[in-house]
Amino acid sequence: MSRLWNKPRLRVYVGDDHLVMCQLGGRWRPQVIHKEKIRFESGQTSRALEALEAWLIAHPLQADIECVLGAAHVRYLLLPWDAQLVDTEFRQTLAHALFARNFQDEPARHEARFSPARYGQPQLAAFVEKELLTSLDFLARKFNGRLTSVEPLLVSVWNRFRRKLEKEQGSLLIAESGRLLALRHDHGAFTDVQWRPYADEELFGRLKQLSEAAPARIFAPLHGELAMSLPASWLALESAEGFSSLRDGEYASALCGVC
């Protein structure tokens, strides 16, 4: 068997106050060989990178690394429909102008990624700091691996459950550490995106309120105990070898798109 097939594969979720590390194996079906959650001080990206580097030192895998970024590391906005959005330069200029206005930050410090363009529909833009992307790539290469993908959790969840969500009108709610991200959509068209802080004791009431106000689907890896209270709304991954969707929900943020 070639070295390519033998190369370890590592899925890493980078949250506001913790990392989720999942080492994968299996050529045809996903196999979770090792899973681990690492906490660090919230609110500092440098802490996340330090935690990742320490883990890679302790586990010299020389792995291909796939990163999933939580809402703490991504800023979202919707570009209103304009026929000129097919022009990449116009789209970039518009996105940068809206970013500067909405976030009072320098757009040149961020890399913008966009959802596929659809005629007559707004386009979702996700902004990630270039310094974070550079640091993740540097760490992968430092430990003889490769950074093969970086994807916001919102994108991972949408792509994983696309077939279900595109048949519906409502909200996709993603609960992370202290943050609730809400993406409103209408049969595949994005109509609004926003996030709000929450305290753990407030989460159930907030999710219940939002799901009663309009149809909603919920992805909340750290709060699997709420699934029994809102079963019709819950988005759960499939179980795999080394991963139980019922018992191991806290690792779902890293495994979304794999399981």
C-alpha atoms as a PDB file:
ATOM      1  CA  MET A   1       0.000   0.000   0.000  1.00  0.00           C
ATOM      2  CA  SER A   2       1.331   3.466  -0.875  1.00  0.00           C
ATOM      3  CA  ARG A   3       2.497   5.948   1.737  1.00  0.00           C
ATOM      4  CA  LEU A   4      -0.366   8.243   0.692  1.00  0.00           C
ATOM      5  CA  TRP A   5      -2.972   5.787   1.975  1.00  0.00           C
ATOM      6  CA  ASN A   6      -0.986   5.208   5.177  1.00  0.00           C
ATOM      7  CA  LYS A   7      -0.579   8.900   6.031  1.00  0.00           C
ATOM      8  CA  PRO A   8      -2.417   9.806   9.269  1.00  0.00           C
ATOM      9  CA  ARG A   9      -5.391  12.134   8.988  1.00  0.00           C
ATOM     10  CA  LEU A  10      -6.197  14.586  11.769  1.00  0.00           C
ATOM     11  CA  ARG A  11      -9.428  16.574  12.133  1.00  0.00           C
ATOM     12  CA  VAL A  12      -9.089  19.609  14.416  1.00  0.00           C
ATOM     13  CA  TYR A  13     -11.911  21.844  15.611  1.00  0.00           C
ATOM     14  CA  VAL A  14     -10.653  25.214  16.853  1.00  0.00           C
ATOM     15  CA  GLY A  15     -13.122  26.785  19.252  1.00  0.00           C
ATOM     16  CA  ASP A  16     -13.057  29.811  21.520  1.00  0.00           C
ATOM     17  CA  ASP A  17     -11.876  27.885  24.582  1.00  0.00           C
ATOM     18  CA  HIS A  18     -11.067  24.358  23.432  1.00  0.00           C
ATOM     19  CA  LEU A  19      -9.712  22.162  20.668  1.00  0.00           C
ATOM     20  CA  VAL A  20     -11.255  18.903  19.533  1.00  0.00           C
ATOM     21  CA  MET A  21      -8.684  16.487  18.105  1.00  0.00           C
ATOM     22  CA  CYS A  22      -9.784  13.412  16.149  1.00  0.00           C
ATOM     23  CA  GLN A  23      -7.280  11.098  14.482  1.00  0.00           C
ATOM     24  CA  LEU A  24      -8.856   9.173  11.619  1.00  0.00           C
ATOM     25  CA  GLY A  25      -8.051   5.937   9.881  1.00  0.00           C
ATOM     26  CA  GLY A  26      -9.816   3.642   7.482  1.00  0.00           C
ATOM     27  CA  ARG A  27      -9.480   3.698   3.730  1.00  0.00           C
ATOM     28  CA  TRP A  28     -13.152   3.359   2.773  1.00  0.00           C
ATOM     29  CA  ARG A  29     -15.099   4.021   5.977  1.00  0.00           C
ATOM     30  CA  PRO A  30     -14.235   6.555   8.690  1.00  0.00           C
ATOM     31  CA  GLN A  31     -12.552   5.108  11.752  1.00  0.00           C
ATOM     32  CA  VAL A  32     -11.873   7.337  14.758  1.00  0.00           C
ATOM     33  CA  ILE A  33      -8.610   6.064  16.217  1.00  0.00           C
ATOM     34  CA  HIS A  34      -8.173   8.728  18.878  1.00  0.00           C
ATOM     35  CA  LYS A  35     -10.350  11.592  20.109  1.00  0.00           C
ATOM     36  CA  GLU A  36      -9.504  14.231  22.679  1.00  0.00           C
ATOM     37  CA  LYS A  37     -10.711  17.623  23.879  1.00  0.00           C
ATOM     38  CA  ILE A  38      -8.191  20.227  25.064  1.00  0.00           C
ATOM     39  CA  ARG A  39      -9.240  23.323  26.981  1.00  0.00           C
ATOM     40  CA  PHE A  40      -7.447  26.672  27.078  1.00  0.00           C
ATOM     41  CA  GLU A  41      -8.147  30.252  28.102  1.00  0.00           C
ATOM     42  CA  SER A  42     -10.942  31.716  26.006  1.00  0.00           C
ATOM     43  CA  GLY A  43     -10.730  34.780  23.831  1.00  0.00           C
ATOM     44  CA  GLN A  44      -7.132  34.398  22.629  1.00  0.00           C
ATOM     45  CA  THR A  45      -6.281  32.769  19.310  1.00  0.00           C
ATOM     46  CA  SER A  46      -2.659  32.447  20.419  1.00  0.00           C
ATOM     47  CA  ARG A  47      -3.775  30.065  23.189  1.00  0.00           C
ATOM     48  CA  ALA A  48      -5.433  27.817  20.628  1.00  0.00           C
ATOM     49  CA  LEU A  49      -2.281  27.701  18.520  1.00  0.00           C
ATOM     50  CA  GLU A  50      -0.130  26.987  21.573  1.00  0.00           C
ATOM     51  CA  ALA A  51      -2.442  24.136  22.571  1.00  0.00           C
ATOM     52  CA  LEU A  52      -2.333  22.698  19.050  1.00  0.00           C
ATOM     53  CA  GLU A  53       1.458  22.894  18.911  1.00  0.00           C
ATOM     54  CA  ALA A  54       1.800  21.199  22.310  1.00  0.00           C
ATOM     55  CA  TRP A  55      -0.474  18.370  21.142  1.00  0.00           C
ATOM     56  CA  LEU A  56       1.494  17.887  17.923  1.00  0.00           C
ATOM     57  CA  ILE A  57       4.741  17.740  19.911  1.00  0.00           C
ATOM     58  CA  ALA A  58       3.263  15.040  22.131  1.00  0.00           C
ATOM     59  CA  HIS A  59       1.772  13.159  19.145  1.00  0.00           C
ATOM     60  CA  PRO A  60       4.307  13.279  16.245  1.00  0.00           C
ATOM     61  CA  LEU A  61       1.953  11.917  13.583  1.00  0.00           C
ATOM     62  CA  GLN A  62       3.214  13.739  10.460  1.00  0.00           C
ATOM     63  CA  ALA A  63      -0.478  14.002   9.614  1.00  0.00           C
ATOM     64  CA  ASP A  64      -2.614  15.683   7.007  1.00  0.00           C
ATOM     65  CA  ILE A  65      -4.557  18.230   9.071  1.00  0.00           C
ATOM     66  CA  GLU A  66      -8.123  19.335   8.341  1.00  0.00           C
ATOM     67  CA  CYS A  67      -9.232  22.305  10.445  1.00  0.00           C
ATOM     68  CA  VAL A  68     -12.785  23.298  11.337  1.00  0.00           C
ATOM     69  CA  LEU A  69     -13.079  26.835  12.725  1.00  0.00           C
ATOM     70  CA  GLY A  70     -15.656  27.826  15.297  1.00  0.00           C
ATOM     71  CA  ALA A  71     -17.608  31.077  15.247  1.00  0.00           C
ATOM     72  CA  ALA A  72     -15.010  32.780  17.462  1.00  0.00           C
ATOM     73  CA  HIS A  73     -12.589  32.731  14.526  1.00  0.00           C
ATOM     74  CA  VAL A  74     -14.949  33.540  11.641  1.00  0.00           C
ATOM     75  CA  ARG A  75     -17.012  36.591  10.758  1.00  0.00           C
ATOM     76  CA  TYR A  76     -19.994  36.235   8.476  1.00  0.00           C
ATOM     77  CA  LEU A  77     -22.049  38.591   6.374  1.00  0.00           C
ATOM     78  CA  LEU A  78     -24.427  38.394   3.437  1.00  0.00           C
ATOM     79  CA  LEU A  79     -23.725  40.171   0.164  1.00  0.00           C
ATOM     80  CA  PRO A  80     -27.014  41.465  -1.292  1.00  0.00           C
ATOM     81  CA  TRP A  81     -27.803  40.177  -4.757  1.00  0.00           C
ATOM     82  CA  ASP A  82     -26.268  42.151  -7.587  1.00  0.00           C
ATOM     83  CA  ALA A  83     -25.746  40.995 -11.156  1.00  0.00           C
ATOM     84  CA  GLN A  84     -22.147  42.217 -10.891  1.00  0.00           C
ATOM     85  CA  LEU A  85     -21.326  39.622  -8.208  1.00  0.00           C
ATOM     86  CA  VAL A  86     -20.145  37.353 -11.024  1.00  0.00           C
ATOM     87  CA  ASP A  87     -17.188  39.736 -11.293  1.00  0.00           C
ATOM     88  CA  THR A  88     -14.722  38.560  -8.616  1.00  0.00           C
ATOM     89  CA  GLU A  89     -13.140  42.000  -8.264  1.00  0.00           C
ATOM     90  CA  PHE A  90     -16.533  43.658  -7.707  1.00  0.00           C
ATOM     91  CA  ARG A  91     -17.510  40.940  -5.216  1.00  0.00           C
ATOM     92  CA  GLN A  92     -14.274  41.362  -3.270  1.00  0.00           C
ATOM     93  CA  THR A  93     -14.625  45.152  -3.185  1.00  0.00           C
ATOM     94  CA  LEU A  94     -18.230  44.932  -1.972  1.00  0.00           C
ATOM     95  CA  ALA A  95     -17.371  42.312   0.649  1.00  0.00           C
ATOM     96  CA  HIS A  96     -14.493  44.420   1.985  1.00  0.00           C
ATOM     97  CA  ALA A  97     -16.680  47.530   2.184  1.00  0.00           C
ATOM     98  CA  LEU A  98     -19.441  45.695   4.084  1.00  0.00           C
ATOM     99  CA  PHE A  99     -16.886  44.061   6.377  1.00  0.00           C
ATOM    100  CA  ALA A 100     -15.271  47.392   7.285  1.00  0.00           C
ATOM    101  CA  ARG A 101     -18.694  48.935   7.941  1.00  0.00           C
ATOM    102  CA  ASN A 102     -20.120  46.043   9.982  1.00  0.00           C
ATOM    103  CA  PHE A 103     -17.065  45.046  12.015  1.00  0.00           C
ATOM    104  CA  GLN A 104     -14.950  48.236  12.142  1.00  0.00           C
ATOM    105  CA  ASP A 105     -11.900  46.174  11.256  1.00  0.00           C
ATOM    106  CA  GLU A 106      -9.375  46.121   8.433  1.00  0.00           C
ATOM    107  CA  PRO A 107     -10.604  43.697   5.735  1.00  0.00           C
ATOM    108  CA  ALA A 108      -7.123  43.328   4.242  1.00  0.00           C
ATOM    109  CA  ARG A 109      -6.126  41.359   7.359  1.00  0.00           C
ATOM    110  CA  HIS A 110      -8.713  38.701   6.518  1.00  0.00           C
ATOM    111  CA  GLU A 111      -9.247  36.151   3.789  1.00  0.00           C
ATOM    112  CA  ALA A 112     -12.784  36.071   2.409  1.00  0.00           C
ATOM    113  CA  ARG A 113     -14.465  32.904   1.188  1.00  0.00           C
ATOM    114  CA  PHE A 114     -17.853  32.810  -0.481  1.00  0.00           C
ATOM    115  CA  SER A 115     -20.752  30.423  -0.879  1.00  0.00           C
ATOM    116  CA  PRO A 116     -21.560  29.353  -4.464  1.00  0.00           C
ATOM    117  CA  ALA A 117     -23.282  32.120  -6.425  1.00  0.00           C
ATOM    118  CA  ARG A 118     -26.972  31.641  -7.261  1.00  0.00           C
ATOM    119  CA  TYR A 119     -28.902  33.962  -9.511  1.00  0.00           C
ATOM    120  CA  GLY A 120     -31.045  36.432  -7.594  1.00  0.00           C
ATOM    121  CA  GLN A 121     -29.848  35.270  -4.159  1.00  0.00           C
ATOM    122  CA  PRO A 122     -27.583  36.837  -1.519  1.00  0.00           C
ATOM    123  CA  GLN A 123     -24.121  35.328  -1.171  1.00  0.00           C
ATOM    124  CA  LEU A 124     -22.647  34.292   2.166  1.00  0.00           C
ATOM    125  CA  ALA A 125     -19.133  35.559   2.899  1.00  0.00           C
ATOM    126  CA  ALA A 126     -16.902  34.159   5.657  1.00  0.00           C
ATOM    127  CA  PHE A 127     -13.832  36.098   6.840  1.00  0.00           C
ATOM    128  CA  VAL A 128     -10.889  34.464   8.622  1.00  0.00           C
ATOM    129  CA  GLU A 129      -7.740  36.225   9.798  1.00  0.00           C
ATOM    130  CA  LYS A 130      -4.852  35.567   7.414  1.00  0.00           C
ATOM    131  CA  GLU A 131      -2.482  35.308  10.372  1.00  0.00           C
ATOM    132  CA  LEU A 132      -4.479  32.359  11.745  1.00  0.00           C
ATOM    133  CA  LEU A 133      -4.420  30.582   8.381  1.00  0.00           C
ATOM    134  CA  THR A 134      -0.677  31.170   8.048  1.00  0.00           C
ATOM    135  CA  SER A 135      -0.045  29.895  11.585  1.00  0.00           C
ATOM    136  CA  LEU A 136      -2.073  26.714  11.030  1.00  0.00           C
ATOM    137  CA  ASP A 137      -0.194  25.993   7.814  1.00  0.00           C
ATOM    138  CA  PHE A 138       3.143  26.654   9.529  1.00  0.00           C
ATOM    139  CA  LEU A 139       2.347  24.234  12.374  1.00  0.00           C
ATOM    140  CA  ALA A 140       1.311  21.486   9.970  1.00  0.00           C
ATOM    141  CA  ARG A 141       4.555  21.835   7.985  1.00  0.00           C
ATOM    142  CA  LYS A 142       6.662  22.183  11.148  1.00  0.00           C
ATOM    143  CA  PHE A 143       5.590  18.688  12.151  1.00  0.00           C
ATOM    144  CA  ASN A 144       6.072  17.208   8.668  1.00  0.00           C
ATOM    145  CA  GLY A 145       2.418  17.277   7.745  1.00  0.00           C
ATOM    146  CA  ARG A 146       0.131  19.270   5.480  1.00  0.00           C
ATOM    147  CA  LEU A 147      -2.801  21.584   6.099  1.00  0.00           C
ATOM    148  CA  THR A 148      -5.238  20.125   3.588  1.00  0.00           C
ATOM    149  CA  SER A 149      -8.364  22.140   4.446  1.00  0.00           C
ATOM    150  CA  VAL A 150      -9.699  24.951   6.628  1.00  0.00           C
ATOM    151  CA  GLU A 151     -13.475  25.289   6.860  1.00  0.00           C
ATOM    152  CA  PRO A 152     -15.858  27.226   9.129  1.00  0.00           C
ATOM    153  CA  LEU A 153     -18.105  24.972  11.219  1.00  0.00           C
ATOM    154  CA  LEU A 154     -21.153  26.632   9.677  1.00  0.00           C
ATOM    155  CA  VAL A 155     -19.989  25.501   6.235  1.00  0.00           C
ATOM    156  CA  SER A 156     -19.213  21.977   7.487  1.00  0.00           C
ATOM    157  CA  VAL A 157     -22.689  21.629   9.014  1.00  0.00           C
ATOM    158  CA  TRP A 158     -24.493  23.068   5.998  1.00  0.00           C
ATOM    159  CA  ASN A 159     -22.645  20.813   3.553  1.00  0.00           C
ATOM    160  CA  ARG A 160     -23.159  17.733   5.756  1.00  0.00           C
ATOM    161  CA  PHE A 161     -26.939  18.256   6.011  1.00  0.00           C
ATOM    162  CA  ARG A 162     -27.468  20.093   2.716  1.00  0.00           C
ATOM    163  CA  ARG A 163     -29.956  17.611   1.257  1.00  0.00           C
ATOM    164  CA  LYS A 164     -32.221  17.987   4.273  1.00  0.00           C
ATOM    165  CA  LEU A 165     -31.829  21.751   4.717  1.00  0.00           C
ATOM    166  CA  GLU A 166     -32.372  22.694   1.079  1.00  0.00           C
ATOM    167  CA  LYS A 167     -35.852  21.164   1.249  1.00  0.00           C
ATOM    168  CA  GLU A 168     -36.807  23.423   4.155  1.00  0.00           C
ATOM    169  CA  GLN A 169     -37.403  27.030   5.106  1.00  0.00           C
ATOM    170  CA  GLY A 170     -36.273  28.118   8.551  1.00  0.00           C
ATOM    171  CA  SER A 171     -33.105  28.505  10.604  1.00  0.00           C
ATOM    172  CA  LEU A 172     -29.942  26.519  11.138  1.00  0.00           C
ATOM    173  CA  LEU A 173     -28.869  27.063  14.752  1.00  0.00           C
ATOM    174  CA  ILE A 174     -25.306  26.170  15.783  1.00  0.00           C
ATOM    175  CA  ALA A 175     -24.468  26.364  19.491  1.00  0.00           C
ATOM    176  CA  GLU A 176     -20.800  26.575  20.446  1.00  0.00           C
ATOM    177  CA  SER A 177     -19.057  27.753  23.628  1.00  0.00           C
ATOM    178  CA  GLY A 178     -21.057  30.798  24.647  1.00  0.00           C
ATOM    179  CA  ARG A 179     -22.163  31.543  21.071  1.00  0.00           C
ATOM    180  CA  LEU A 180     -25.317  30.777  19.136  1.00  0.00           C
ATOM    181  CA  LEU A 181     -25.050  31.238  15.368  1.00  0.00           C
ATOM    182  CA  ALA A 182     -28.308  31.504  13.419  1.00  0.00           C
ATOM    183  CA  LEU A 183     -28.452  31.148   9.636  1.00  0.00           C
ATOM    184  CA  ARG A 184     -31.877  31.757   8.118  1.00  0.00           C
ATOM    185  CA  HIS A 185     -32.539  30.098   4.801  1.00  0.00           C
ATOM    186  CA  ASP A 186     -35.290  29.455   2.307  1.00  0.00           C
ATOM    187  CA  HIS A 187     -34.840  26.212   0.350  1.00  0.00           C
ATOM    188  CA  GLY A 188     -31.120  26.749  -0.058  1.00  0.00           C
ATOM    189  CA  ALA A 189     -31.141  30.558  -0.286  1.00  0.00           C
ATOM    190  CA  PHE A 190     -29.486  32.343   2.651  1.00  0.00           C
ATOM    191  CA  THR A 191     -31.549  35.258   3.969  1.00  0.00           C
ATOM    192  CA  ASP A 192     -29.842  36.289   7.244  1.00  0.00           C
ATOM    193  CA  VAL A 193     -26.906  35.346   9.452  1.00  0.00           C
ATOM    194  CA  GLN A 194     -26.147  36.517  12.978  1.00  0.00           C
ATOM    195  CA  TRP A 195     -24.722  35.301  16.272  1.00  0.00           C
ATOM    196  CA  ARG A 196     -25.525  36.051  19.876  1.00  0.00           C
ATOM    197  CA  PRO A 197     -23.736  35.265  23.154  1.00  0.00           C
ATOM    198  CA  TYR A 198     -25.475  33.034  25.688  1.00  0.00           C
ATOM    199  CA  ALA A 199     -24.908  31.503  29.107  1.00  0.00           C
ATOM    200  CA  ASP A 200     -25.207  27.714  29.363  1.00  0.00           C
ATOM    201  CA  GLU A 201     -28.265  27.947  31.600  1.00  0.00           C
ATOM    202  CA  GLU A 202     -29.995  30.117  28.986  1.00  0.00           C
ATOM    203  CA  LEU A 203     -29.331  27.907  25.979  1.00  0.00           C
ATOM    204  CA  PHE A 204     -32.314  25.538  26.182  1.00  0.00           C
ATOM    205  CA  GLY A 205     -34.783  28.405  26.570  1.00  0.00           C
ATOM    206  CA  ARG A 206     -33.202  30.288  23.678  1.00  0.00           C
ATOM    207  CA  LEU A 207     -33.211  27.263  21.361  1.00  0.00           C
ATOM    208  CA  LYS A 208     -36.807  26.442  22.293  1.00  0.00           C
ATOM    209  CA  GLN A 209     -37.873  30.022  21.684  1.00  0.00           C
ATOM    210  CA  LEU A 210     -36.218  30.195  18.270  1.00  0.00           C
ATOM    211  CA  SER A 211     -37.487  26.779  17.133  1.00  0.00           C
ATOM    212  CA  GLU A 212     -41.043  27.683  18.144  1.00  0.00           C
ATOM    213  CA  ALA A 213     -40.909  31.043  16.348  1.00  0.00           C
ATOM    214  CA  ALA A 214     -39.925  29.387  13.046  1.00  0.00           C
ATOM    215  CA  PRO A 215     -38.861  25.927  11.856  1.00  0.00           C
ATOM    216  CA  ALA A 216     -35.291  25.280  12.968  1.00  0.00           C
ATOM    217  CA  ARG A 217     -32.570  22.645  12.881  1.00  0.00           C
ATOM    218  CA  ILE A 218     -30.063  22.514  15.724  1.00  0.00           C
ATOM    219  CA  PHE A 219     -26.407  21.470  15.815  1.00  0.00           C
ATOM    220  CA  ALA A 220     -24.970  21.735  19.326  1.00  0.00           C
ATOM    221  CA  PRO A 221     -21.999  19.404  19.952  1.00  0.00           C
ATOM    222  CA  LEU A 222     -21.404  20.476  23.558  1.00  0.00           C
ATOM    223  CA  HIS A 223     -25.060  20.157  24.555  1.00  0.00           C
ATOM    224  CA  GLY A 224     -26.136  16.699  23.424  1.00  0.00           C
ATOM    225  CA  GLU A 225     -28.308  16.306  26.512  1.00  0.00           C
ATOM    226  CA  LEU A 226     -30.763  18.767  24.944  1.00  0.00           C
ATOM    227  CA  ALA A 227     -31.359  16.439  21.991  1.00  0.00           C
ATOM    228  CA  MET A 228     -33.943  14.465  23.969  1.00  0.00           C
ATOM    229  CA  SER A 229     -35.884  17.682  24.611  1.00  0.00           C
ATOM    230  CA  LEU A 230     -35.881  18.846  20.978  1.00  0.00           C
ATOM    231  CA  PRO A 231     -35.568  15.563  19.026  1.00  0.00           C
ATOM    232  CA  ALA A 232     -37.349  16.694  15.856  1.00  0.00           C
ATOM    233  CA  SER A 233     -34.996  19.635  15.416  1.00  0.00           C
ATOM    234  CA  TRP A 234     -31.693  17.945  16.243  1.00  0.00           C
ATOM    235  CA  LEU A 235     -29.019  17.319  13.602  1.00  0.00           C
ATOM    236  CA  ALA A 236     -26.976  14.270  14.566  1.00  0.00           C
ATOM    237  CA  LEU A 237     -24.033  12.677  12.814  1.00  0.00           C
ATOM    238  CA  GLU A 238     -23.910   8.979  12.000  1.00  0.00           C
ATOM    239  CA  SER A 239     -21.995   6.717  14.352  1.00  0.00           C
ATOM    240  CA  ALA A 240     -18.732   5.211  13.118  1.00  0.00           C
ATOM    241  CA  GLU A 241     -16.050   2.931  14.485  1.00  0.00           C
ATOM    242  CA  GLY A 242     -14.636   4.788  17.480  1.00  0.00           C
ATOM    243  CA  PHE A 243     -17.442   7.382  17.525  1.00  0.00           C
ATOM    244  CA  SER A 244     -20.949   7.136  18.964  1.00  0.00           C
ATOM    245  CA  SER A 245     -23.284   9.954  17.950  1.00  0.00           C
ATOM    246  CA  LEU A 246     -25.142   9.504  21.259  1.00  0.00           C
ATOM    247  CA  ARG A 247     -22.193   9.312  23.671  1.00  0.00           C
ATOM    248  CA  ASP A 248     -19.527  11.310  21.828  1.00  0.00           C
ATOM    249  CA  GLY A 249     -21.470  14.385  20.740  1.00  0.00           C
ATOM    250  CA  GLU A 250     -18.774  16.728  22.063  1.00  0.00           C
ATOM    251  CA  TYR A 251     -16.505  15.561  19.213  1.00  0.00           C
ATOM    252  CA  ALA A 252     -19.074  16.207  16.486  1.00  0.00           C
ATOM    253  CA  SER A 253     -17.669  19.654  15.696  1.00  0.00           C
ATOM    254  CA  ALA A 254     -14.462  18.044  14.392  1.00  0.00           C
ATOM    255  CA  LEU A 255     -16.167  15.063  12.728  1.00  0.00           C
ATOM    256  CA  CYS A 256     -18.956  16.916  10.905  1.00  0.00           C
ATOM    257  CA  GLY A 257     -18.455  16.129   7.237  1.00  0.00           C
ATOM    258  CA  VAL A 258     -16.739  12.820   8.048  1.00  0.00           C
ATOM    259  CA  CYS A 259     -19.484  10.924   9.922  1.00  0.00           C
END
